Amino acid sequence: MNSTSDNAFVSLLDRVKDDTGYGMLMFYAFAAAVLLISGSIAALAFVTEWWMLAAVVAVHMTITAVVTYIVFHAFDVPSPADAEDAARGAATA
């Protein structure tokens, strides 16, 4: 392999490593949220009482708040690539 393909391979590995932290947490949170909200709506279809609508809305609001918190928290966490770029910039300055 030449150096150009080596650099491309290392760059690909860096992107794959980035999918381990909050990226995967957000993926699992979104997947779980879709399943829980869909399940609560299905339960609403089976239980045809008005009180069930309040429970479904409460589940939806809670899950929305949790997913929103995870997304905002993920924006606050610097990625490893940002730390490496900052260290490289400090070394050259």
C-alpha atoms as a PDB file:
ATOM      1  CA  MET A   1       0.000   0.000   0.000  1.00  0.00           C
ATOM      2  CA  ASN A   2       1.241   3.466  -0.709  1.00  0.00           C
ATOM      3  CA  SER A   3       1.120   6.378   1.700  1.00  0.00           C
ATOM      4  CA  THR A   4      -2.005   7.881   0.114  1.00  0.00           C
ATOM      5  CA  SER A   5      -4.038   4.737   0.670  1.00  0.00           C
ATOM      6  CA  ASP A   6      -2.521   4.359   4.159  1.00  0.00           C
ATOM      7  CA  ASN A   7      -3.743   7.844   5.081  1.00  0.00           C
ATOM      8  CA  ALA A   8      -7.201   7.115   3.686  1.00  0.00           C
ATOM      9  CA  PHE A   9      -7.368   3.888   5.702  1.00  0.00           C
ATOM     10  CA  VAL A  10      -6.309   5.658   8.913  1.00  0.00           C
ATOM     11  CA  SER A  11      -8.871   8.372   8.227  1.00  0.00           C
ATOM     12  CA  LEU A  12     -11.540   5.681   7.824  1.00  0.00           C
ATOM     13  CA  LEU A  13     -10.506   4.103  11.144  1.00  0.00           C
ATOM     14  CA  ASP A  14     -10.755   7.478  12.889  1.00  0.00           C
ATOM     15  CA  ARG A  15     -14.312   7.889  11.647  1.00  0.00           C
ATOM     16  CA  VAL A  16     -15.249   4.387  12.786  1.00  0.00           C
ATOM     17  CA  LYS A  17     -13.844   5.056  16.274  1.00  0.00           C
ATOM     18  CA  ASP A  18     -16.011   8.164  16.461  1.00  0.00           C
ATOM     19  CA  ASP A  19     -19.122   5.942  16.337  1.00  0.00           C
ATOM     20  CA  THR A  20     -18.447   4.469  19.768  1.00  0.00           C
ATOM     21  CA  GLY A  21     -19.356   7.298  22.168  1.00  0.00           C
ATOM     22  CA  TYR A  22     -22.356   9.546  22.106  1.00  0.00           C
ATOM     23  CA  GLY A  23     -23.039   8.727  18.454  1.00  0.00           C
ATOM     24  CA  MET A  24     -24.017   5.179  19.369  1.00  0.00           C
ATOM     25  CA  LEU A  25     -25.858   6.389  22.462  1.00  0.00           C
ATOM     26  CA  MET A  26     -27.956   8.706  20.297  1.00  0.00           C
ATOM     27  CA  PHE A  27     -28.616   5.882  17.823  1.00  0.00           C
ATOM     28  CA  TYR A  28     -29.813   3.544  20.589  1.00  0.00           C
ATOM     29  CA  ALA A  29     -31.852   6.325  22.210  1.00  0.00           C
ATOM     30  CA  PHE A  30     -33.623   7.121  18.935  1.00  0.00           C
ATOM     31  CA  ALA A  31     -34.267   3.429  18.247  1.00  0.00           C
ATOM     32  CA  ALA A  32     -35.635   2.827  21.754  1.00  0.00           C
ATOM     33  CA  ALA A  33     -37.753   5.978  21.566  1.00  0.00           C
ATOM     34  CA  VAL A  34     -39.359   4.884  18.303  1.00  0.00           C
ATOM     35  CA  LEU A  35     -40.124   1.441  19.710  1.00  0.00           C
ATOM     36  CA  LEU A  36     -41.546   2.769  22.991  1.00  0.00           C
ATOM     37  CA  ILE A  37     -43.700   5.423  21.362  1.00  0.00           C
ATOM     38  CA  SER A  38     -44.974   2.961  18.750  1.00  0.00           C
ATOM     39  CA  GLY A  39     -45.741   0.462  21.510  1.00  0.00           C
ATOM     40  CA  SER A  40     -47.647   3.015  23.523  1.00  0.00           C
ATOM     41  CA  ILE A  41     -49.685   4.017  20.472  1.00  0.00           C
ATOM     42  CA  ALA A  42     -50.439   0.343  19.801  1.00  0.00           C
ATOM     43  CA  ALA A  43     -51.563  -0.026  23.419  1.00  0.00           C
ATOM     44  CA  LEU A  44     -53.834   2.963  22.879  1.00  0.00           C
ATOM     45  CA  ALA A  45     -55.443   1.136  19.952  1.00  0.00           C
ATOM     46  CA  PHE A  46     -56.156  -1.912  22.136  1.00  0.00           C
ATOM     47  CA  VAL A  47     -57.351  -0.040  25.219  1.00  0.00           C
ATOM     48  CA  THR A  48     -60.036   2.270  23.944  1.00  0.00           C
ATOM     49  CA  GLU A  49     -60.383   4.397  27.070  1.00  0.00           C
ATOM     50  CA  TRP A  50     -59.671   8.112  27.410  1.00  0.00           C
ATOM     51  CA  TRP A  51     -57.283   7.654  30.337  1.00  0.00           C
ATOM     52  CA  MET A  52     -54.946   5.698  28.060  1.00  0.00           C
ATOM     53  CA  LEU A  53     -54.508   8.774  25.872  1.00  0.00           C
ATOM     54  CA  ALA A  54     -53.103  10.655  28.879  1.00  0.00           C
ATOM     55  CA  ALA A  55     -50.670   7.808  29.537  1.00  0.00           C
ATOM     56  CA  VAL A  56     -49.508   7.767  25.905  1.00  0.00           C
ATOM     57  CA  VAL A  57     -48.969  11.540  25.929  1.00  0.00           C
ATOM     58  CA  ALA A  58     -46.997  11.254  29.185  1.00  0.00           C
ATOM     59  CA  VAL A  59     -44.805   8.504  27.704  1.00  0.00           C
ATOM     60  CA  HIS A  60     -44.246  10.560  24.564  1.00  0.00           C
ATOM     61  CA  MET A  61     -43.303  13.715  26.480  1.00  0.00           C
ATOM     62  CA  THR A  62     -40.928  11.808  28.777  1.00  0.00           C
ATOM     63  CA  ILE A  63     -39.167  10.045  25.914  1.00  0.00           C
ATOM     64  CA  THR A  64     -38.903  13.305  23.965  1.00  0.00           C
ATOM     65  CA  ALA A  65     -37.298  15.006  26.965  1.00  0.00           C
ATOM     66  CA  VAL A  66     -34.782  12.164  27.413  1.00  0.00           C
ATOM     67  CA  VAL A  67     -33.789  12.112  23.736  1.00  0.00           C
ATOM     68  CA  THR A  68     -33.492  15.919  23.668  1.00  0.00           C
ATOM     69  CA  TYR A  69     -31.237  15.815  26.749  1.00  0.00           C
ATOM     70  CA  ILE A  70     -29.012  13.180  25.131  1.00  0.00           C
ATOM     71  CA  VAL A  71     -28.683  15.199  21.922  1.00  0.00           C
ATOM     72  CA  PHE A  72     -27.865  18.446  23.729  1.00  0.00           C
ATOM     73  CA  HIS A  73     -25.373  16.666  25.974  1.00  0.00           C
ATOM     74  CA  ALA A  74     -23.723  15.085  22.932  1.00  0.00           C
ATOM     75  CA  PHE A  75     -23.221  18.548  21.411  1.00  0.00           C
ATOM     76  CA  ASP A  76     -21.310  19.620  24.544  1.00  0.00           C
ATOM     77  CA  VAL A  77     -18.868  16.696  24.440  1.00  0.00           C
ATOM     78  CA  PRO A  78     -15.818  17.358  22.242  1.00  0.00           C
ATOM     79  CA  SER A  79     -14.880  14.574  19.871  1.00  0.00           C
ATOM     80  CA  PRO A  80     -11.438  12.903  20.033  1.00  0.00           C
ATOM     81  CA  ALA A  81     -10.626  14.428  16.630  1.00  0.00           C
ATOM     82  CA  ASP A  82     -11.181  17.924  18.096  1.00  0.00           C
ATOM     83  CA  ALA A  83      -8.720  17.191  20.901  1.00  0.00           C
ATOM     84  CA  GLU A  84      -6.118  15.954  18.428  1.00  0.00           C
ATOM     85  CA  ASP A  85      -6.578  19.044  16.247  1.00  0.00           C
ATOM     86  CA  ALA A  86      -6.219  21.317  19.275  1.00  0.00           C
ATOM     87  CA  ALA A  87      -3.046  19.504  20.363  1.00  0.00           C
ATOM     88  CA  ARG A  88      -1.591  19.787  16.856  1.00  0.00           C
ATOM     89  CA  GLY A  89      -2.448  23.486  16.746  1.00  0.00           C
ATOM     90  CA  ALA A  90      -0.841  24.094  20.142  1.00  0.00           C
ATOM     91  CA  ALA A  91       2.310  22.255  19.057  1.00  0.00           C
ATOM     92  CA  THR A  92       2.711  24.369  15.924  1.00  0.00           C
ATOM     93  CA  ALA A  93       2.006  27.715  17.635  1.00  0.00           C
END
